[in-house]
Amino acid sequence: MVMNQCEKYDKIGIVNYRRDTLASKYIFSSNSKHKKTEVKYMLIYAIVFISLALLFYTIAVFSERIQGALKLWHLSLFDLGFVCDVTGTLLMQNISRNSVGVTSASNLHELAGIIAIALMFIHIIWASVVLFKNNEVTKSRFHKFSIIVWIIWLIPFISGAVFHIN
């Protein structure tokens, strides 16, 4: 009777039956078809959020450079870019936690991503301080730091696209 139940559940993907030399084990897992669909949509959302982060951050960095001074709406775009990047990163981290095959390229990508997010956070804090102090010279020179952070942020963005395309 146990085998019949196991076979019944196995047909709908609920139970994976594995026979060991010592004993039989029943490993319960979610339906693999639904899990693949869930991961697919999670990946789509992650890509959308990371792409929005690129869009918001790029607009903020280059409009700040063109206008010659940091403004409040630039900070708002930096904030949106940061939130989108963190959201996309968390989604991708959730996907990778359930996958196999960690390579040195993924470790390098992960390290670069952590550094980029930390720099984005520092960048937002510094931009807030610069706007609060309202020093025109500092506001006009802030774009140099913005471009450096943007270029560093591009490293995990590009490495994620290059190393993780299947």
N, C-alpha and C. Protein backbone atom coordinates (compact mmCIF):
# COMPACT_ATOMS: atom_id res chain seq x y z
N MET A 1 0.81 -1.19 0.00
CA MET A 1 0.00 0.00 0.00
C MET A 1 0.86 1.27 0.00
N VAL A 2 1.96 1.27 0.73
CA VAL A 2 2.83 2.44 0.77
C VAL A 2 3.40 2.72 -0.62
N MET A 3 3.77 1.65 -1.32
CA MET A 3 4.33 1.84 -2.65
C MET A 3 3.28 2.43 -3.59
N ASN A 4 2.03 2.02 -3.47
CA ASN A 4 0.98 2.56 -4.32
C ASN A 4 0.79 4.05 -4.08
N GLN A 5 0.79 4.45 -2.81
CA GLN A 5 0.67 5.87 -2.49
C GLN A 5 1.86 6.65 -3.04
N CYS A 6 3.03 6.05 -2.91
CA CYS A 6 4.24 6.70 -3.39
C CYS A 6 4.18 6.88 -4.90
N GLU A 7 3.77 5.84 -5.59
CA GLU A 7 3.67 5.94 -7.04
C GLU A 7 2.61 6.96 -7.43
N LYS A 8 1.52 6.98 -6.69
CA LYS A 8 0.45 7.94 -6.95
C LYS A 8 0.96 9.37 -6.82
N TYR A 9 1.65 9.66 -5.72
CA TYR A 9 2.18 11.01 -5.51
C TYR A 9 3.31 11.34 -6.48
N ASP A 10 4.08 10.33 -6.86
CA ASP A 10 5.18 10.56 -7.78
C ASP A 10 4.68 11.02 -9.14
N LYS A 11 3.50 10.53 -9.56
CA LYS A 11 2.95 10.93 -10.86
C LYS A 11 2.61 12.41 -10.90
N ILE A 12 2.25 12.99 -9.77
CA ILE A 12 1.94 14.42 -9.76
C ILE A 12 3.12 15.26 -9.25
N GLY A 13 4.25 14.62 -9.00
CA GLY A 13 5.47 15.34 -8.67
C GLY A 13 5.62 15.74 -7.22
N ILE A 14 4.87 15.14 -6.32
CA ILE A 14 4.96 15.53 -4.91
C ILE A 14 6.05 14.74 -4.19
N VAL A 15 6.20 13.49 -4.51
CA VAL A 15 7.17 12.66 -3.80
C VAL A 15 8.24 12.18 -4.76
N ASN A 16 9.46 12.33 -4.33
CA ASN A 16 10.58 11.72 -5.06
C ASN A 16 10.99 10.50 -4.24
N TYR A 17 10.95 9.35 -4.86
CA TYR A 17 11.25 8.11 -4.15
C TYR A 17 12.69 7.74 -4.45
N ARG A 18 13.45 7.49 -3.40
CA ARG A 18 14.85 7.12 -3.56
C ARG A 18 15.13 5.90 -2.70
N ARG A 19 15.77 4.92 -3.28
CA ARG A 19 16.07 3.69 -2.53
C ARG A 19 17.55 3.69 -2.15
N ASP A 20 17.83 3.63 -0.86
CA ASP A 20 19.19 3.50 -0.38
C ASP A 20 19.47 2.04 -0.08
N THR A 21 20.74 1.73 0.18
CA THR A 21 21.09 0.35 0.52
C THR A 21 20.55 -0.04 1.88
N LEU A 22 20.47 0.90 2.81
CA LEU A 22 20.00 0.57 4.15
C LEU A 22 18.49 0.67 4.29
N ALA A 23 17.90 1.68 3.71
CA ALA A 23 16.46 1.88 3.91
C ALA A 23 15.89 2.69 2.76
N SER A 24 14.59 2.67 2.66
CA SER A 24 13.92 3.50 1.67
C SER A 24 13.58 4.83 2.30
N LYS A 25 13.77 5.89 1.53
CA LYS A 25 13.46 7.22 2.04
C LYS A 25 12.43 7.85 1.13
N TYR A 26 11.57 8.62 1.75
CA TYR A 26 10.58 9.38 1.01
C TYR A 26 10.92 10.86 1.21
N ILE A 27 11.23 11.52 0.16
CA ILE A 27 11.60 12.93 0.23
C ILE A 27 10.48 13.74 -0.38
N PHE A 28 9.84 14.55 0.44
CA PHE A 28 8.72 15.37 -0.01
C PHE A 28 9.25 16.69 -0.55
N SER A 29 8.81 17.05 -1.71
CA SER A 29 9.20 18.33 -2.30
C SER A 29 8.02 18.89 -3.08
N SER A 30 8.12 20.16 -3.45
CA SER A 30 7.03 20.77 -4.21
C SER A 30 7.04 20.25 -5.64
N ASN A 31 5.95 20.44 -6.31
CA ASN A 31 5.81 20.01 -7.68
C ASN A 31 6.87 20.72 -8.53
N SER A 32 7.71 19.96 -9.21
CA SER A 32 8.83 20.54 -9.95
C SER A 32 8.36 21.45 -11.10
N LYS A 33 7.21 21.13 -11.70
CA LYS A 33 6.71 21.97 -12.79
C LYS A 33 6.35 23.36 -12.26
N HIS A 34 5.68 23.41 -11.11
CA HIS A 34 5.32 24.70 -10.52
C HIS A 34 6.55 25.45 -10.03
N LYS A 35 7.52 24.72 -9.52
CA LYS A 35 8.75 25.34 -9.03
C LYS A 35 9.51 26.01 -10.17
N LYS A 36 9.57 25.35 -11.34
CA LYS A 36 10.25 25.93 -12.50
C LYS A 36 9.54 27.19 -12.97
N THR A 37 8.21 27.18 -12.95
CA THR A 37 7.43 28.35 -13.34
C THR A 37 7.67 29.50 -12.37
N GLU A 38 7.70 29.18 -11.08
CA GLU A 38 7.94 30.19 -10.05
C GLU A 38 9.32 30.83 -10.22
N VAL A 39 10.33 30.01 -10.47
CA VAL A 39 11.69 30.52 -10.67
C VAL A 39 11.76 31.37 -11.94
N LYS A 40 11.06 30.94 -12.97
CA LYS A 40 11.04 31.69 -14.22
C LYS A 40 10.50 33.10 -14.00
N TYR A 41 9.35 33.20 -13.31
CA TYR A 41 8.77 34.52 -13.05
C TYR A 41 9.63 35.33 -12.10
N MET A 42 10.23 34.68 -11.11
CA MET A 42 11.11 35.38 -10.19
C MET A 42 12.30 35.96 -10.94
N LEU A 43 12.83 35.21 -11.90
CA LEU A 43 13.95 35.69 -12.70
C LEU A 43 13.52 36.88 -13.56
N ILE A 44 12.34 36.81 -14.14
CA ILE A 44 11.84 37.93 -14.95
C ILE A 44 11.72 39.19 -14.09
N TYR A 45 11.12 39.05 -12.90
CA TYR A 45 10.99 40.20 -11.99
C TYR A 45 12.37 40.74 -11.60
N ALA A 46 13.30 39.84 -11.32
CA ALA A 46 14.65 40.26 -10.92
C ALA A 46 15.32 41.05 -12.04
N ILE A 47 15.20 40.57 -13.27
CA ILE A 47 15.80 41.26 -14.41
C ILE A 47 15.15 42.62 -14.61
N VAL A 48 13.83 42.69 -14.45
CA VAL A 48 13.13 43.98 -14.58
C VAL A 48 13.63 44.96 -13.53
N PHE A 49 13.73 44.51 -12.27
CA PHE A 49 14.19 45.41 -11.21
C PHE A 49 15.63 45.86 -11.41
N ILE A 50 16.51 44.95 -11.80
CA ILE A 50 17.91 45.32 -12.04
C ILE A 50 18.00 46.29 -13.22
N SER A 51 17.20 46.06 -14.26
CA SER A 51 17.19 46.97 -15.41
C SER A 51 16.65 48.35 -15.03
N LEU A 52 15.62 48.39 -14.18
CA LEU A 52 15.11 49.67 -13.70
C LEU A 52 16.17 50.40 -12.87
N ALA A 53 16.93 49.64 -12.09
CA ALA A 53 18.02 50.24 -11.31
C ALA A 53 19.02 50.90 -12.25
N LEU A 54 19.38 50.20 -13.33
CA LEU A 54 20.29 50.77 -14.32
C LEU A 54 19.71 52.03 -14.92
N LEU A 55 18.45 52.00 -15.29
CA LEU A 55 17.79 53.15 -15.90
C LEU A 55 17.78 54.35 -14.94
N PHE A 56 17.30 54.16 -13.71
CA PHE A 56 17.21 55.27 -12.75
C PHE A 56 18.59 55.83 -12.42
N TYR A 57 19.55 54.94 -12.17
CA TYR A 57 20.89 55.40 -11.79
C TYR A 57 21.57 56.12 -12.94
N THR A 58 21.43 55.61 -14.15
CA THR A 58 22.04 56.24 -15.32
C THR A 58 21.45 57.62 -15.57
N ILE A 59 20.13 57.73 -15.51
CA ILE A 59 19.50 59.05 -15.70
C ILE A 59 19.99 60.03 -14.65
N ALA A 60 20.02 59.58 -13.39
CA ALA A 60 20.45 60.47 -12.31
C ALA A 60 21.90 60.91 -12.48
N VAL A 61 22.78 59.97 -12.76
CA VAL A 61 24.22 60.29 -12.88
C VAL A 61 24.48 61.25 -14.03
N PHE A 62 23.92 60.97 -15.20
CA PHE A 62 24.25 61.80 -16.35
C PHE A 62 23.47 63.11 -16.39
N SER A 63 22.28 63.14 -15.84
CA SER A 63 21.57 64.42 -15.77
C SER A 63 22.23 65.33 -14.73
N GLU A 64 22.74 64.74 -13.67
CA GLU A 64 23.49 65.51 -12.68
C GLU A 64 24.74 66.12 -13.32
N ARG A 65 25.41 65.34 -14.13
CA ARG A 65 26.63 65.82 -14.82
C ARG A 65 26.28 66.93 -15.82
N ILE A 66 25.22 66.73 -16.59
CA ILE A 66 24.82 67.72 -17.60
C ILE A 66 24.36 69.02 -16.94
N GLN A 67 23.60 68.90 -15.85
CA GLN A 67 23.10 70.10 -15.17
C GLN A 67 24.16 70.78 -14.32
N GLY A 68 25.22 70.08 -14.02
CA GLY A 68 26.35 70.68 -13.33
C GLY A 68 26.23 70.77 -11.82
N ALA A 69 25.17 70.27 -11.25
CA ALA A 69 25.03 70.30 -9.79
C ALA A 69 24.03 69.23 -9.35
N LEU A 70 24.25 68.74 -8.14
CA LEU A 70 23.36 67.76 -7.55
C LEU A 70 22.07 68.45 -7.11
N LYS A 71 20.95 67.83 -7.46
CA LYS A 71 19.64 68.36 -7.08
C LYS A 71 18.84 67.27 -6.38
N LEU A 72 17.78 67.69 -5.72
CA LEU A 72 16.96 66.76 -4.94
C LEU A 72 16.37 65.64 -5.81
N TRP A 73 15.96 65.95 -7.03
CA TRP A 73 15.36 64.92 -7.87
C TRP A 73 16.40 63.89 -8.30
N HIS A 74 17.70 64.30 -8.36
CA HIS A 74 18.76 63.31 -8.63
C HIS A 74 18.84 62.31 -7.48
N LEU A 75 18.78 62.85 -6.25
CA LEU A 75 18.80 61.98 -5.08
C LEU A 75 17.61 61.02 -5.10
N SER A 76 16.45 61.49 -5.51
CA SER A 76 15.27 60.62 -5.59
C SER A 76 15.49 59.48 -6.57
N LEU A 77 16.12 59.78 -7.71
CA LEU A 77 16.42 58.72 -8.68
C LEU A 77 17.49 57.77 -8.16
N PHE A 78 18.48 58.30 -7.42
CA PHE A 78 19.47 57.42 -6.80
C PHE A 78 18.78 56.47 -5.83
N ASP A 79 17.83 57.00 -5.05
CA ASP A 79 17.08 56.17 -4.10
C ASP A 79 16.28 55.09 -4.83
N LEU A 80 15.57 55.47 -5.89
CA LEU A 80 14.80 54.49 -6.66
C LEU A 80 15.71 53.42 -7.26
N GLY A 81 16.85 53.84 -7.79
CA GLY A 81 17.81 52.89 -8.35
C GLY A 81 18.31 51.92 -7.30
N PHE A 82 18.59 52.45 -6.11
CA PHE A 82 19.08 51.61 -5.02
C PHE A 82 18.01 50.59 -4.61
N VAL A 83 16.78 51.04 -4.44
CA VAL A 83 15.69 50.14 -4.03
C VAL A 83 15.47 49.06 -5.10
N CYS A 84 15.48 49.44 -6.36
CA CYS A 84 15.31 48.46 -7.44
C CYS A 84 16.47 47.47 -7.47
N ASP A 85 17.69 47.96 -7.27
CA ASP A 85 18.85 47.08 -7.29
C ASP A 85 18.80 46.08 -6.14
N VAL A 86 18.48 46.54 -4.95
CA VAL A 86 18.40 45.65 -3.80
C VAL A 86 17.28 44.62 -4.01
N THR A 87 16.14 45.06 -4.52
CA THR A 87 15.02 44.14 -4.77
C THR A 87 15.41 43.07 -5.79
N GLY A 88 15.99 43.50 -6.91
CA GLY A 88 16.42 42.54 -7.93
C GLY A 88 17.49 41.60 -7.42
N THR A 89 18.41 42.12 -6.62
CA THR A 89 19.48 41.30 -6.06
C THR A 89 18.92 40.25 -5.10
N LEU A 90 17.98 40.65 -4.25
CA LEU A 90 17.37 39.69 -3.32
C LEU A 90 16.61 38.59 -4.07
N LEU A 91 15.92 38.97 -5.13
CA LEU A 91 15.22 37.96 -5.94
C LEU A 91 16.22 36.99 -6.57
N MET A 92 17.30 37.52 -7.12
CA MET A 92 18.30 36.64 -7.74
C MET A 92 19.02 35.79 -6.70
N GLN A 93 19.23 36.34 -5.52
CA GLN A 93 19.84 35.55 -4.45
C GLN A 93 18.93 34.39 -4.07
N ASN A 94 17.64 34.63 -4.03
CA ASN A 94 16.68 33.57 -3.73
C ASN A 94 16.70 32.49 -4.80
N ILE A 95 16.84 32.88 -6.04
CA ILE A 95 16.93 31.90 -7.14
C ILE A 95 18.20 31.09 -7.02
N SER A 96 19.34 31.77 -6.79
CA SER A 96 20.62 31.06 -6.75
C SER A 96 20.75 30.17 -5.53
N ARG A 97 20.07 30.50 -4.45
CA ARG A 97 20.10 29.68 -3.25
C ARG A 97 19.54 28.29 -3.53
N ASN A 98 18.61 28.20 -4.46
CA ASN A 98 17.97 26.93 -4.78
C ASN A 98 18.60 26.23 -5.97
N SER A 99 19.68 26.80 -6.53
CA SER A 99 20.31 26.16 -7.68
C SER A 99 21.64 25.54 -7.27
N VAL A 100 22.18 24.76 -8.16
CA VAL A 100 23.45 24.09 -7.90
C VAL A 100 24.49 24.63 -8.86
N GLY A 101 25.74 24.33 -8.59
CA GLY A 101 26.81 24.70 -9.50
C GLY A 101 27.40 26.07 -9.23
N VAL A 102 27.81 26.31 -7.99
CA VAL A 102 28.45 27.58 -7.66
C VAL A 102 29.86 27.56 -8.25
N THR A 103 30.18 28.58 -8.98
CA THR A 103 31.50 28.67 -9.61
C THR A 103 32.23 29.88 -9.07
N SER A 104 33.51 29.98 -9.41
CA SER A 104 34.28 31.14 -8.97
C SER A 104 33.75 32.41 -9.65
N ALA A 105 33.20 32.28 -10.86
CA ALA A 105 32.62 33.43 -11.54
C ALA A 105 31.42 33.96 -10.76
N SER A 106 30.58 33.05 -10.22
CA SER A 106 29.44 33.53 -9.43
C SER A 106 29.89 34.13 -8.12
N ASN A 107 30.96 33.60 -7.51
CA ASN A 107 31.48 34.20 -6.29
C ASN A 107 32.02 35.60 -6.55
N LEU A 108 32.72 35.77 -7.66
CA LEU A 108 33.24 37.09 -8.04
C LEU A 108 32.09 38.05 -8.32
N HIS A 109 31.07 37.58 -8.99
CA HIS A 109 29.88 38.39 -9.28
C HIS A 109 29.21 38.81 -7.97
N GLU A 110 29.09 37.88 -7.05
CA GLU A 110 28.45 38.17 -5.76
C GLU A 110 29.25 39.21 -4.98
N LEU A 111 30.56 39.07 -4.95
CA LEU A 111 31.42 40.03 -4.25
C LEU A 111 31.31 41.42 -4.88
N ALA A 112 31.36 41.47 -6.20
CA ALA A 112 31.23 42.76 -6.90
C ALA A 112 29.86 43.38 -6.63
N GLY A 113 28.82 42.56 -6.56
CA GLY A 113 27.48 43.05 -6.27
C GLY A 113 27.37 43.64 -4.87
N ILE A 114 27.97 42.98 -3.90
CA ILE A 114 27.96 43.48 -2.52
C ILE A 114 28.69 44.82 -2.43
N ILE A 115 29.84 44.90 -3.08
CA ILE A 115 30.61 46.16 -3.09
C ILE A 115 29.80 47.27 -3.76
N ALA A 116 29.16 46.95 -4.88
CA ALA A 116 28.38 47.95 -5.61
C ALA A 116 27.19 48.45 -4.78
N ILE A 117 26.49 47.55 -4.11
CA ILE A 117 25.36 47.97 -3.29
C ILE A 117 25.84 48.82 -2.11
N ALA A 118 26.95 48.43 -1.51
CA ALA A 118 27.50 49.23 -0.40
C ALA A 118 27.89 50.63 -0.89
N LEU A 119 28.52 50.70 -2.06
CA LEU A 119 28.89 52.01 -2.62
C LEU A 119 27.66 52.84 -2.96
N MET A 120 26.63 52.21 -3.48
CA MET A 120 25.39 52.93 -3.77
C MET A 120 24.80 53.52 -2.50
N PHE A 121 24.84 52.75 -1.43
CA PHE A 121 24.31 53.22 -0.15
C PHE A 121 25.14 54.41 0.36
N ILE A 122 26.45 54.29 0.32
CA ILE A 122 27.34 55.39 0.73
C ILE A 122 27.08 56.62 -0.15
N HIS A 123 26.90 56.38 -1.44
CA HIS A 123 26.64 57.45 -2.39
C HIS A 123 25.37 58.21 -2.04
N ILE A 124 24.32 57.49 -1.67
CA ILE A 124 23.05 58.12 -1.29
C ILE A 124 23.21 58.92 0.00
N ILE A 125 23.91 58.36 0.97
CA ILE A 125 24.13 59.08 2.23
C ILE A 125 24.92 60.36 1.97
N TRP A 126 25.98 60.25 1.19
CA TRP A 126 26.81 61.42 0.90
C TRP A 126 26.01 62.47 0.11
N ALA A 127 25.21 62.03 -0.84
CA ALA A 127 24.38 62.96 -1.61
C ALA A 127 23.41 63.69 -0.69
N SER A 128 22.84 62.98 0.28
CA SER A 128 21.93 63.61 1.24
C SER A 128 22.65 64.67 2.07
N VAL A 129 23.87 64.35 2.50
CA VAL A 129 24.66 65.31 3.28
C VAL A 129 25.00 66.54 2.44
N VAL A 130 25.40 66.31 1.20
CA VAL A 130 25.75 67.43 0.30
C VAL A 130 24.53 68.32 0.08
N LEU A 131 23.38 67.75 -0.14
CA LEU A 131 22.17 68.55 -0.34
C LEU A 131 21.77 69.28 0.95
N PHE A 132 21.95 68.62 2.08
CA PHE A 132 21.59 69.24 3.35
C PHE A 132 22.50 70.45 3.65
N LYS A 133 23.80 70.29 3.40
CA LYS A 133 24.75 71.39 3.66
C LYS A 133 24.60 72.52 2.65
N ASN A 134 24.10 72.20 1.46
CA ASN A 134 23.82 73.17 0.41
C ASN A 134 25.03 74.00 0.00
N ASN A 135 26.18 73.35 -0.09
CA ASN A 135 27.41 73.99 -0.54
C ASN A 135 27.49 73.85 -2.06
N GLU A 136 27.46 74.97 -2.76
CA GLU A 136 27.42 74.96 -4.23
C GLU A 136 28.65 74.30 -4.85
N VAL A 137 29.82 74.50 -4.27
CA VAL A 137 31.05 73.89 -4.80
C VAL A 137 30.97 72.37 -4.68
N THR A 138 30.57 71.89 -3.52
CA THR A 138 30.45 70.44 -3.32
C THR A 138 29.37 69.85 -4.21
N LYS A 139 28.27 70.56 -4.36
CA LYS A 139 27.19 70.08 -5.23
C LYS A 139 27.64 69.99 -6.69
N SER A 140 28.50 70.92 -7.10
CA SER A 140 28.97 70.92 -8.49
C SER A 140 30.05 69.86 -8.74
N ARG A 141 30.72 69.40 -7.70
CA ARG A 141 31.78 68.38 -7.86
C ARG A 141 31.29 66.95 -7.57
N PHE A 142 30.09 66.84 -7.07
CA PHE A 142 29.57 65.54 -6.65
C PHE A 142 29.49 64.54 -7.80
N HIS A 143 29.27 65.02 -9.02
CA HIS A 143 29.10 64.13 -10.17
C HIS A 143 30.32 63.23 -10.42
N LYS A 144 31.51 63.67 -9.97
CA LYS A 144 32.71 62.84 -10.17
C LYS A 144 32.59 61.54 -9.39
N PHE A 145 32.12 61.64 -8.16
CA PHE A 145 31.91 60.44 -7.35
C PHE A 145 30.77 59.60 -7.92
N SER A 146 29.73 60.26 -8.41
CA SER A 146 28.58 59.55 -8.98
C SER A 146 29.00 58.67 -10.15
N ILE A 147 29.85 59.20 -11.01
CA ILE A 147 30.28 58.42 -12.18
C ILE A 147 31.14 57.23 -11.76
N ILE A 148 32.00 57.42 -10.76
CA ILE A 148 32.83 56.32 -10.27
C ILE A 148 31.94 55.20 -9.71
N VAL A 149 30.96 55.57 -8.90
CA VAL A 149 30.04 54.56 -8.33
C VAL A 149 29.26 53.88 -9.44
N TRP A 150 28.80 54.63 -10.44
CA TRP A 150 28.05 54.06 -11.56
C TRP A 150 28.89 53.05 -12.33
N ILE A 151 30.16 53.39 -12.59
CA ILE A 151 31.05 52.47 -13.33
C ILE A 151 31.29 51.20 -12.52
N ILE A 152 31.53 51.35 -11.22
CA ILE A 152 31.73 50.17 -10.37
C ILE A 152 30.45 49.33 -10.33
N TRP A 153 29.28 49.98 -10.31
CA TRP A 153 28.02 49.26 -10.30
C TRP A 153 27.82 48.47 -11.60
N LEU A 154 28.36 48.97 -12.69
CA LEU A 154 28.23 48.26 -13.97
C LEU A 154 28.95 46.91 -13.99
N ILE A 155 29.99 46.75 -13.17
CA ILE A 155 30.76 45.50 -13.15
C ILE A 155 29.86 44.31 -12.80
N PRO A 156 29.12 44.33 -11.67
CA PRO A 156 28.24 43.18 -11.42
C PRO A 156 27.06 43.10 -12.39
N PHE A 157 26.62 44.25 -12.90
CA PHE A 157 25.53 44.23 -13.88
C PHE A 157 25.97 43.46 -15.13
N ILE A 158 27.13 43.80 -15.65
CA ILE A 158 27.63 43.14 -16.87
C ILE A 158 28.05 41.71 -16.58
N SER A 159 28.73 41.46 -15.45
CA SER A 159 29.16 40.10 -15.15
C SER A 159 27.97 39.18 -14.93
N GLY A 160 26.89 39.71 -14.37
CA GLY A 160 25.68 38.90 -14.21
C GLY A 160 25.10 38.51 -15.54
N ALA A 161 25.13 39.44 -16.49
CA ALA A 161 24.60 39.15 -17.82
C ALA A 161 25.50 38.17 -18.56
N VAL A 162 26.82 38.32 -18.43
CA VAL A 162 27.77 37.48 -19.19
C VAL A 162 27.90 36.09 -18.60
N PHE A 163 28.09 35.98 -17.29
CA PHE A 163 28.39 34.68 -16.68
C PHE A 163 27.16 33.83 -16.40
N HIS A 164 25.98 34.43 -16.35
CA HIS A 164 24.81 33.66 -15.93
C HIS A 164 23.78 33.43 -17.03
N ILE A 165 24.13 33.72 -18.25
CA ILE A 165 23.22 33.44 -19.36
C ILE A 165 23.34 31.96 -19.69
N ASN A 166 22.19 31.29 -19.70
CA ASN A 166 22.19 29.85 -20.02
C ASN A 166 21.50 29.62 -21.33
